[in-house]
Amino acid sequence: MDNEELYKQNILDHYKNPRNKRKITDFTFHGSAVNASCGDKIDFYVNLKNDAADDASFTGEGCAISQAAASMLTEKVTGKTSSELRFLSPGDIYTMLGVKISPGRVSCALLAYQALSKALASAKR
């Protein structure tokens, strides 16, 4: 089995068994993003404790790519400081997904990242 096949299986696993798909009731910041072209929607929540992401979660609906990326992103941000969160980039999402994302799916892949970016922008600095 090649690496791309392993990543595809990982995406399907995160889609079928999403990690942290729930709303944190006591969150430090929250952001939402909608993909207008397909209707996918993500709400991303982060709770900071001692300036580190103690918990991260998401809610929303969408395709396998958007849901898997959101699930993977919750795992990636947990434990990071608020400063480290601000250094995340679209490249980090592509690396987590591990497969080539077609131009038509970029908005799906980056939806959770956009929601997190909005949350960080609205957070107190």
Protein backbone atom coordinates (compact mmCIF):
# COMPACT_ATOMS: atom_id res chain seq x y z
CA MET A 1 0.00 0.00 0.00
CA ASP A 2 1.47 3.37 -0.99
CA ASN A 3 1.52 6.53 1.14
CA GLU A 4 -1.32 8.23 -0.74
CA GLU A 5 -3.58 5.23 -0.14
CA LEU A 6 -2.73 5.35 3.58
CA TYR A 7 -3.61 9.05 3.69
CA LYS A 8 -6.89 8.41 1.86
CA GLN A 9 -7.76 5.78 4.46
CA ASN A 10 -6.86 8.24 7.22
CA ILE A 11 -9.16 10.87 5.69
CA LEU A 12 -12.03 8.37 5.52
CA ASP A 13 -11.38 7.32 9.11
CA HIS A 14 -11.53 10.92 10.33
CA TYR A 15 -14.68 11.48 8.27
CA LYS A 16 -16.47 8.37 9.54
CA ASN A 17 -15.10 8.64 13.11
CA PRO A 18 -14.43 12.33 13.65
CA ARG A 19 -12.34 13.30 16.63
CA ASN A 20 -13.66 16.08 18.85
CA LYS A 21 -16.86 16.68 16.89
CA ARG A 22 -18.82 18.43 19.61
CA LYS A 23 -19.36 21.91 20.92
CA ILE A 24 -17.21 23.01 23.81
CA THR A 25 -19.57 24.85 26.14
CA ASP A 26 -16.84 26.78 27.95
CA PHE A 27 -14.63 27.95 25.07
CA THR A 28 -12.11 30.78 24.92
CA PHE A 29 -12.77 31.54 21.27
CA HIS A 30 -14.89 30.36 18.37
CA GLY A 31 -15.00 30.94 14.64
CA SER A 32 -17.30 29.91 11.81
CA ALA A 33 -16.72 29.40 8.11
CA VAL A 34 -19.02 28.43 5.26
CA ASN A 35 -18.09 27.21 1.81
CA ALA A 36 -20.58 29.11 -0.32
CA SER A 37 -19.98 26.91 -3.34
CA CYS A 38 -21.14 23.68 -1.68
CA GLY A 39 -22.74 24.62 1.65
CA ASP A 40 -20.18 22.97 3.94
CA LYS A 41 -20.08 24.69 7.34
CA ILE A 42 -17.63 24.45 10.24
CA ASP A 43 -17.74 25.99 13.70
CA PHE A 44 -14.36 25.67 15.43
CA TYR A 45 -13.97 26.01 19.20
CA VAL A 46 -10.81 26.30 21.32
CA ASN A 47 -10.48 26.50 25.07
CA LEU A 48 -7.21 27.90 26.40
CA LYS A 49 -5.81 27.02 29.78
CA ASN A 50 -2.54 28.65 30.84
CA ASP A 51 -2.25 30.07 27.29
CA ALA A 52 -2.31 26.60 25.67
CA ALA A 53 -5.14 24.94 23.79
CA ASP A 54 -6.51 22.63 26.45
CA ASP A 55 -9.37 21.49 24.22
CA ALA A 56 -10.42 21.97 20.60
CA SER A 57 -13.56 20.84 18.85
CA PHE A 58 -15.75 21.44 15.84
CA THR A 59 -19.32 21.11 14.71
CA GLY A 60 -20.77 21.29 11.25
CA GLU A 61 -21.55 19.32 8.17
CA GLY A 62 -19.79 18.76 4.91
CA CYS A 63 -17.84 16.49 2.63
CA ALA A 64 -15.21 13.99 3.69
CA ILE A 65 -12.35 16.44 3.06
CA SER A 66 -13.81 19.31 5.13
CA GLN A 67 -14.85 17.07 8.01
CA ALA A 68 -11.58 15.12 8.08
CA ALA A 69 -9.54 18.33 7.97
CA ALA A 70 -11.54 19.73 10.89
CA SER A 71 -11.07 16.54 12.89
CA MET A 72 -7.32 16.48 12.19
CA LEU A 73 -7.00 20.17 13.02
CA THR A 74 -8.55 19.69 16.48
CA GLU A 75 -5.85 17.14 17.23
CA LYS A 76 -3.09 19.37 15.84
CA VAL A 77 -4.02 22.49 17.84
CA THR A 78 -4.46 20.77 21.19
CA GLY A 79 -1.50 21.64 23.40
CA LYS A 80 -0.30 24.55 21.26
CA THR A 81 0.03 28.04 22.72
CA SER A 82 -2.03 30.88 21.33
CA SER A 83 1.15 32.19 19.65
CA GLU A 84 1.80 28.82 18.01
CA LEU A 85 -1.80 28.69 16.78
CA ARG A 86 -1.25 31.95 14.91
CA PHE A 87 1.62 30.36 12.96
CA LEU A 88 -0.50 27.57 11.49
CA SER A 89 -0.84 27.84 7.73
CA PRO A 90 -2.77 26.25 4.87
CA GLY A 91 0.36 24.20 4.23
CA ASP A 92 -0.12 22.52 7.61
CA ILE A 93 -3.59 21.41 6.52
CA TYR A 94 -2.32 20.02 3.23
CA THR A 95 0.42 18.14 5.08
CA MET A 96 -2.11 16.64 7.53
CA LEU A 97 -4.38 15.51 4.70
CA GLY A 98 -1.41 14.05 2.83
CA VAL A 99 -3.05 13.93 -0.60
CA LYS A 100 -3.01 16.32 -3.51
CA ILE A 101 -6.00 18.64 -3.20
CA SER A 102 -7.57 19.65 -6.50
CA PRO A 103 -8.32 23.36 -7.02
CA GLY A 104 -12.04 22.64 -6.68
CA ARG A 105 -11.52 21.10 -3.22
CA VAL A 106 -9.19 23.71 -1.71
CA SER A 107 -12.13 25.53 -0.10
CA CYS A 108 -13.25 22.26 1.49
CA ALA A 109 -9.79 21.42 2.77
CA LEU A 110 -9.24 24.87 4.29
CA LEU A 111 -12.69 25.43 5.81
CA ALA A 112 -11.70 24.49 9.38
CA TYR A 113 -8.49 26.52 9.03
CA GLN A 114 -10.59 29.53 7.99
CA ALA A 115 -12.87 29.06 11.01
CA LEU A 116 -9.86 28.82 13.32
CA SER A 117 -8.32 31.91 11.72
CA LYS A 118 -11.52 33.87 12.31
CA ALA A 119 -11.58 32.68 15.92
CA LEU A 120 -8.00 33.81 16.46
CA ALA A 121 -8.68 37.17 14.84
CA SER A 122 -11.62 37.79 17.16
CA ALA A 123 -9.77 36.64 20.29
CA LYS A 124 -8.33 39.15 22.69
CA ARG A 125 -4.66 39.63 22.01
